[in-house]
């Protein structure tokens, strides 16, 4: 069963079709106050979602991350906060096996 079957599709104007997030990296602490070092930033910052009326997305709180390894978790948290459901794209399907309740976890050696 298609998970989007019970959801009504909407008309979307150009620029409103995609769901967008904004990732911002802190640049303070790299030099004196009020200045920046061009093209330099910290590995920490915040993730925000951009508002989108067509998708019913209103801006929410920014989710901080403290390292690049935390970035994926921050993005996931933003999506969950806004009730966004992601579907597996064709490129990722090559990495996934079909779900089977009969999988025992035993490997063949």
C-alpha atoms as a PDB file:
ATOM      1  CA  UNK A   1       0.000   0.000   0.000  1.00  0.00           C
ATOM      2  CA  UNK A   2       1.319   3.425  -0.926  1.00  0.00           C
ATOM      3  CA  UNK A   3       1.798   5.522   2.230  1.00  0.00           C
ATOM      4  CA  UNK A   4       0.651   8.674   0.425  1.00  0.00           C
ATOM      5  CA  UNK A   5      -2.658   7.137  -0.759  1.00  0.00           C
ATOM      6  CA  UNK A   6      -4.780   8.852   1.896  1.00  0.00           C
ATOM      7  CA  UNK A   7      -3.122  12.252   1.524  1.00  0.00           C
ATOM      8  CA  UNK A   8      -4.542  14.737  -0.932  1.00  0.00           C
ATOM      9  CA  UNK A   9      -2.029  16.202  -3.379  1.00  0.00           C
ATOM     10  CA  UNK A  10      -1.933  20.008  -3.811  1.00  0.00           C
ATOM     11  CA  UNK A  11      -1.004  22.365  -6.594  1.00  0.00           C
ATOM     12  CA  UNK A  12       2.463  23.784  -6.041  1.00  0.00           C
ATOM     13  CA  UNK A  13       3.900  26.898  -7.601  1.00  0.00           C
ATOM     14  CA  UNK A  14       7.503  27.167  -8.700  1.00  0.00           C
ATOM     15  CA  UNK A  15       9.732  27.518  -5.635  1.00  0.00           C
ATOM     16  CA  UNK A  16       7.200  25.822  -3.325  1.00  0.00           C
ATOM     17  CA  UNK A  17       7.662  22.217  -4.490  1.00  0.00           C
ATOM     18  CA  UNK A  18      10.746  21.345  -2.460  1.00  0.00           C
ATOM     19  CA  UNK A  19      11.221  21.034   1.285  1.00  0.00           C
ATOM     20  CA  UNK A  20      14.270  23.057   2.261  1.00  0.00           C
ATOM     21  CA  UNK A  21      16.446  23.185   5.329  1.00  0.00           C
ATOM     22  CA  UNK A  22      19.048  25.787   6.136  1.00  0.00           C
ATOM     23  CA  UNK A  23      22.332  24.819   7.772  1.00  0.00           C
ATOM     24  CA  UNK A  24      24.284  27.620   9.420  1.00  0.00           C
ATOM     25  CA  UNK A  25      27.836  27.268  10.758  1.00  0.00           C
ATOM     26  CA  UNK A  26      29.084  29.519  13.533  1.00  0.00           C
ATOM     27  CA  UNK A  27      31.974  31.812  12.621  1.00  0.00           C
ATOM     28  CA  UNK A  28      32.491  33.550  15.948  1.00  0.00           C
ATOM     29  CA  UNK A  29      35.470  32.626  18.109  1.00  0.00           C
ATOM     30  CA  UNK A  30      37.704  32.549  15.013  1.00  0.00           C
ATOM     31  CA  UNK A  31      38.808  36.173  15.303  1.00  0.00           C
ATOM     32  CA  UNK A  32      37.917  39.411  17.071  1.00  0.00           C
ATOM     33  CA  UNK A  33      34.322  40.509  17.598  1.00  0.00           C
ATOM     34  CA  UNK A  34      32.507  41.912  14.566  1.00  0.00           C
ATOM     35  CA  UNK A  35      34.924  40.398  12.034  1.00  0.00           C
ATOM     36  CA  UNK A  36      35.123  37.115  10.129  1.00  0.00           C
ATOM     37  CA  UNK A  37      37.862  35.111   8.513  1.00  0.00           C
ATOM     38  CA  UNK A  38      36.588  34.598   4.931  1.00  0.00           C
ATOM     39  CA  UNK A  39      35.606  31.009   4.083  1.00  0.00           C
ATOM     40  CA  UNK A  40      36.275  29.764   7.650  1.00  0.00           C
ATOM     41  CA  UNK A  41      33.725  28.430  10.114  1.00  0.00           C
ATOM     42  CA  UNK A  42      33.331  26.132  13.061  1.00  0.00           C
ATOM     43  CA  UNK A  43      32.057  22.554  12.824  1.00  0.00           C
ATOM     44  CA  UNK A  44      29.056  23.585  14.930  1.00  0.00           C
ATOM     45  CA  UNK A  45      25.938  25.593  14.223  1.00  0.00           C
ATOM     46  CA  UNK A  46      22.183  25.223  13.754  1.00  0.00           C
ATOM     47  CA  UNK A  47      19.710  23.596  11.360  1.00  0.00           C
ATOM     48  CA  UNK A  48      16.418  25.329  10.498  1.00  0.00           C
ATOM     49  CA  UNK A  49      13.593  24.462   8.148  1.00  0.00           C
ATOM     50  CA  UNK A  50      12.499  27.052   5.624  1.00  0.00           C
ATOM     51  CA  UNK A  51       8.800  27.959   5.709  1.00  0.00           C
ATOM     52  CA  UNK A  52       6.681  26.576   2.876  1.00  0.00           C
ATOM     53  CA  UNK A  53       2.925  27.311   2.679  1.00  0.00           C
ATOM     54  CA  UNK A  54       2.236  24.611   0.089  1.00  0.00           C
ATOM     55  CA  UNK A  55       3.665  21.923   2.365  1.00  0.00           C
ATOM     56  CA  UNK A  56       2.177  23.507   5.491  1.00  0.00           C
ATOM     57  CA  UNK A  57       5.597  24.131   7.022  1.00  0.00           C
ATOM     58  CA  UNK A  58       5.975  27.007   9.463  1.00  0.00           C
ATOM     59  CA  UNK A  59       9.365  27.966  10.868  1.00  0.00           C
ATOM     60  CA  UNK A  60      10.270  26.360  14.174  1.00  0.00           C
ATOM     61  CA  UNK A  61      13.130  26.411  16.624  1.00  0.00           C
ATOM     62  CA  UNK A  62      16.637  26.003  15.274  1.00  0.00           C
ATOM     63  CA  UNK A  63      18.259  22.708  16.258  1.00  0.00           C
ATOM     64  CA  UNK A  64      21.920  23.019  17.260  1.00  0.00           C
ATOM     65  CA  UNK A  65      24.705  20.619  16.325  1.00  0.00           C
ATOM     66  CA  UNK A  66      28.174  20.508  17.853  1.00  0.00           C
ATOM     67  CA  UNK A  67      30.087  18.531  15.238  1.00  0.00           C
ATOM     68  CA  UNK A  68      29.660  17.367  11.665  1.00  0.00           C
ATOM     69  CA  UNK A  69      28.806  13.937  13.064  1.00  0.00           C
ATOM     70  CA  UNK A  70      25.816  15.533  14.863  1.00  0.00           C
ATOM     71  CA  UNK A  71      24.557  17.233  11.698  1.00  0.00           C
ATOM     72  CA  UNK A  72      22.523  14.277  10.415  1.00  0.00           C
ATOM     73  CA  UNK A  73      20.832  13.862  13.802  1.00  0.00           C
ATOM     74  CA  UNK A  74      19.976  17.590  13.881  1.00  0.00           C
ATOM     75  CA  UNK A  75      18.425  17.368  10.406  1.00  0.00           C
ATOM     76  CA  UNK A  76      16.413  14.313  11.465  1.00  0.00           C
ATOM     77  CA  UNK A  77      15.181  16.132  14.580  1.00  0.00           C
ATOM     78  CA  UNK A  78      14.009  19.119  12.497  1.00  0.00           C
ATOM     79  CA  UNK A  79      12.100  16.803  10.145  1.00  0.00           C
ATOM     80  CA  UNK A  80      10.454  14.996  13.081  1.00  0.00           C
ATOM     81  CA  UNK A  81       9.484  18.287  14.750  1.00  0.00           C
ATOM     82  CA  UNK A  82       7.639  19.321  11.602  1.00  0.00           C
ATOM     83  CA  UNK A  83       6.050  15.921  10.866  1.00  0.00           C
ATOM     84  CA  UNK A  84       7.905  15.484   7.589  1.00  0.00           C
ATOM     85  CA  UNK A  85       7.933  11.973   6.139  1.00  0.00           C
ATOM     86  CA  UNK A  86      10.795  11.029   3.823  1.00  0.00           C
ATOM     87  CA  UNK A  87      10.467   8.295   1.206  1.00  0.00           C
ATOM     88  CA  UNK A  88      13.366   6.202  -0.028  1.00  0.00           C
ATOM     89  CA  UNK A  89      14.826   7.548  -3.265  1.00  0.00           C
ATOM     90  CA  UNK A  90      15.906   5.305  -6.125  1.00  0.00           C
ATOM     91  CA  UNK A  91      19.606   5.817  -5.394  1.00  0.00           C
ATOM     92  CA  UNK A  92      19.265   4.560  -1.843  1.00  0.00           C
ATOM     93  CA  UNK A  93      17.176   1.504  -2.723  1.00  0.00           C
ATOM     94  CA  UNK A  94      20.338  -0.316  -3.801  1.00  0.00           C
ATOM     95  CA  UNK A  95      21.502  -0.313  -0.162  1.00  0.00           C
ATOM     96  CA  UNK A  96      18.300  -1.659   1.363  1.00  0.00           C
ATOM     97  CA  UNK A  97      16.977  -5.204   1.581  1.00  0.00           C
ATOM     98  CA  UNK A  98      13.259  -5.898   1.609  1.00  0.00           C
ATOM     99  CA  UNK A  99      11.857  -6.249   5.126  1.00  0.00           C
ATOM    100  CA  UNK A 100      11.215  -9.836   6.108  1.00  0.00           C
ATOM    101  CA  UNK A 101       9.796 -11.015   9.428  1.00  0.00           C
ATOM    102  CA  UNK A 102      11.419 -14.409   8.826  1.00  0.00           C
ATOM    103  CA  UNK A 103      14.967 -12.977   9.008  1.00  0.00           C
ATOM    104  CA  UNK A 104      16.824 -14.813  11.758  1.00  0.00           C
ATOM    105  CA  UNK A 105      20.038 -12.854  11.757  1.00  0.00           C
ATOM    106  CA  UNK A 106      22.085 -15.994  11.083  1.00  0.00           C
ATOM    107  CA  UNK A 107      24.824 -15.541   8.563  1.00  0.00           C
ATOM    108  CA  UNK A 108      26.158 -18.186   6.260  1.00  0.00           C
ATOM    109  CA  UNK A 109      29.831 -18.906   6.749  1.00  0.00           C
END
